[in-house]
Amino acid sequence: MNGLRVTSLVLACALFAPAVASAKSKPLDPATVHERILKRGIGSWICVEEVNGVALVGRVVSINADSVGLQLQNYPEVTPIPYTDIVGLRLGLSEKGFWIITGVGVGAAAAFAAVAFHEFNENKPKLPTTTGTEPPALVRFSW
């Protein structure tokens, strides 16, 4: 019983501990940026950071050999951004990543429910039982 509690506590801490990357990311080159945006596809939302420090968030509407066309929020025209101007690229959570996180969450909830159910059944309060046919005597208080 006690080992189950320790194991569940260790697993819960492992699931909720932040994953910290120890390696520094390498600088982006235009070929890598093109490849990552092409893999993400047209219609997806991305955030690019330009050399001048401006960060733009928009939907990919065209992918060319030397630039990407973004439709920024609240702007109907397409903004072309050359790959050579991009120094930072955030693509957001992919569909696969979403389902992995959802599965881990459902698994953690199921594990918590199983441990709680087990603990509840092991620690049920024991009610006194009567062996006779008469109901227990009532206590009367007199003032």
Protein backbone atom coordinates (compact mmCIF):
# COMPACT_ATOMS: atom_id res chain seq x y z
CA MET A 1 0.00 0.00 0.00
CA ASN A 2 2.67 2.48 0.97
CA GLY A 3 4.78 1.57 -2.07
CA LEU A 4 1.81 2.31 -4.34
CA ARG A 5 1.51 5.79 -2.86
CA VAL A 6 5.20 6.52 -3.37
CA THR A 7 5.11 5.19 -6.93
CA SER A 8 2.06 7.27 -7.82
CA LEU A 9 3.64 10.38 -6.29
CA VAL A 10 6.86 9.86 -8.26
CA LEU A 11 4.91 9.33 -11.49
CA ALA A 12 2.82 12.44 -10.91
CA CYS A 13 5.93 14.53 -10.28
CA ALA A 14 7.57 13.14 -13.41
CA LEU A 15 4.54 14.04 -15.52
CA PHE A 16 4.24 17.57 -14.22
CA ALA A 17 7.95 18.41 -14.13
CA PRO A 18 8.88 20.87 -16.88
CA ALA A 19 11.05 19.56 -19.64
CA VAL A 20 14.02 21.87 -19.95
CA ALA A 21 16.22 21.72 -23.00
CA SER A 22 19.86 21.98 -22.02
CA ALA A 23 21.18 22.51 -25.54
CA LYS A 24 21.15 25.94 -27.12
CA SER A 25 19.29 26.12 -30.41
CA LYS A 26 21.38 26.64 -33.50
CA PRO A 27 20.75 29.69 -35.68
CA LEU A 28 18.29 29.27 -38.50
CA ASP A 29 19.45 29.25 -42.09
CA PRO A 30 17.06 29.96 -44.99
CA ALA A 31 17.00 26.32 -46.11
CA THR A 32 15.94 25.12 -42.64
CA VAL A 33 13.26 27.80 -42.39
CA HIS A 34 11.88 26.86 -45.83
CA GLU A 35 11.88 23.16 -44.95
CA ARG A 36 10.11 23.66 -41.60
CA ILE A 37 7.44 25.94 -43.06
CA LEU A 38 6.93 23.60 -46.02
CA LYS A 39 6.51 20.67 -43.62
CA ARG A 40 3.92 22.64 -41.61
CA GLY A 41 1.97 23.47 -44.78
CA ILE A 42 -0.26 26.16 -46.20
CA GLY A 43 -3.07 27.29 -43.93
CA SER A 44 -1.19 26.83 -40.66
CA TRP A 45 -0.44 29.64 -38.23
CA ILE A 46 3.19 30.53 -37.57
CA CYS A 47 5.15 33.24 -35.80
CA VAL A 48 8.33 34.58 -37.38
CA GLU A 49 10.89 36.90 -35.83
CA GLU A 50 12.71 39.09 -38.29
CA VAL A 51 16.27 40.39 -38.17
CA ASN A 52 15.03 43.87 -37.18
CA GLY A 53 13.29 42.40 -34.08
CA VAL A 54 9.73 42.50 -35.39
CA ALA A 55 7.63 39.41 -34.64
CA LEU A 56 4.80 38.64 -37.05
CA VAL A 57 2.02 36.12 -36.51
CA GLY A 58 -0.03 35.00 -39.47
CA ARG A 59 -1.45 32.24 -41.59
CA VAL A 60 0.73 30.78 -44.33
CA VAL A 61 -0.91 31.45 -47.70
CA SER A 62 2.02 30.82 -50.04
CA ILE A 63 5.38 29.09 -49.85
CA ASN A 64 7.91 30.17 -52.47
CA ALA A 65 11.54 29.18 -53.00
CA ASP A 66 12.88 32.38 -51.40
CA SER A 67 9.99 33.71 -49.27
CA VAL A 68 6.83 32.84 -47.42
CA GLY A 69 3.56 34.74 -47.80
CA LEU A 70 1.70 35.44 -44.56
CA GLN A 71 -1.75 36.84 -44.09
CA LEU A 72 -1.45 38.72 -40.83
CA GLN A 73 -4.31 39.03 -38.40
CA ASN A 74 -6.81 41.76 -39.39
CA TYR A 75 -4.96 42.47 -42.68
CA PRO A 76 -6.41 41.03 -45.89
CA GLU A 77 -3.28 41.52 -48.05
CA VAL A 78 -0.46 38.98 -48.17
CA THR A 79 2.86 40.00 -46.59
CA PRO A 80 5.89 38.35 -48.24
CA ILE A 81 8.76 37.61 -45.86
CA PRO A 82 12.13 36.46 -47.26
CA TYR A 83 13.68 33.45 -45.56
CA THR A 84 16.93 35.39 -45.13
CA ASP A 85 15.15 37.90 -42.85
CA ILE A 86 13.84 35.23 -40.45
CA VAL A 87 15.93 34.61 -37.32
CA GLY A 88 13.25 32.99 -35.15
CA LEU A 89 10.44 30.63 -36.05
CA ARG A 90 7.66 29.29 -33.84
CA LEU A 91 5.29 26.83 -35.43
CA GLY A 92 3.07 26.07 -32.44
CA LEU A 93 1.75 22.73 -31.38
CA SER A 94 1.28 20.16 -34.12
CA GLU A 95 -1.74 17.87 -34.26
CA LYS A 96 0.41 14.93 -33.18
CA GLY A 97 1.71 16.90 -30.20
CA PHE A 98 -1.85 17.86 -29.24
CA TRP A 99 -2.95 14.24 -29.19
CA ILE A 100 0.13 13.17 -27.23
CA ILE A 101 -0.57 15.79 -24.55
CA THR A 102 -4.25 14.84 -24.49
CA GLY A 103 -3.38 11.15 -24.11
CA VAL A 104 -0.97 11.85 -21.27
CA GLY A 105 -3.62 13.95 -19.53
CA VAL A 106 -6.27 11.25 -19.86
CA GLY A 107 -3.77 8.62 -18.65
CA ALA A 108 -2.82 10.72 -15.64
CA ALA A 109 -6.49 11.26 -14.78
CA ALA A 110 -7.17 7.52 -15.07
CA ALA A 111 -4.17 6.72 -12.85
CA PHE A 112 -5.33 9.26 -10.28
CA ALA A 113 -8.85 7.81 -10.33
CA ALA A 114 -7.53 4.25 -9.90
CA VAL A 115 -5.33 5.24 -6.95
CA ALA A 116 -8.17 7.23 -5.35
CA PHE A 117 -10.60 4.32 -5.81
CA HIS A 118 -8.09 1.92 -4.26
CA GLU A 119 -7.40 4.21 -1.30
CA PHE A 120 -11.11 4.77 -0.72
CA ASN A 121 -11.83 1.03 -0.66
CA GLU A 122 -8.88 0.31 1.64
CA ASN A 123 -9.80 3.01 4.17
CA LYS A 124 -13.58 2.63 4.41
CA PRO A 125 -14.94 3.55 7.84
CA LYS A 126 -16.07 0.50 9.81
CA LEU A 127 -19.58 0.91 11.21
CA PRO A 128 -20.57 -0.98 14.37
CA THR A 129 -22.91 -3.88 13.80
CA THR A 130 -25.60 -5.15 16.13
CA THR A 131 -25.92 -8.86 16.71
CA GLY A 132 -29.32 -8.85 18.41
CA THR A 133 -32.74 -8.33 16.95
CA GLU A 134 -33.47 -5.26 19.05
CA PRO A 135 -32.55 -1.82 17.84
CA PRO A 136 -29.86 -0.07 19.84
CA ALA A 137 -31.11 1.65 22.99
CA LEU A 138 -31.83 5.31 22.78
CA VAL A 139 -30.22 7.60 25.28
CA ARG A 140 -32.59 9.99 26.97
CA PHE A 141 -31.41 13.17 28.50
CA SER A 142 -33.31 14.76 31.36
CA TRP A 143 -32.99 18.37 32.28
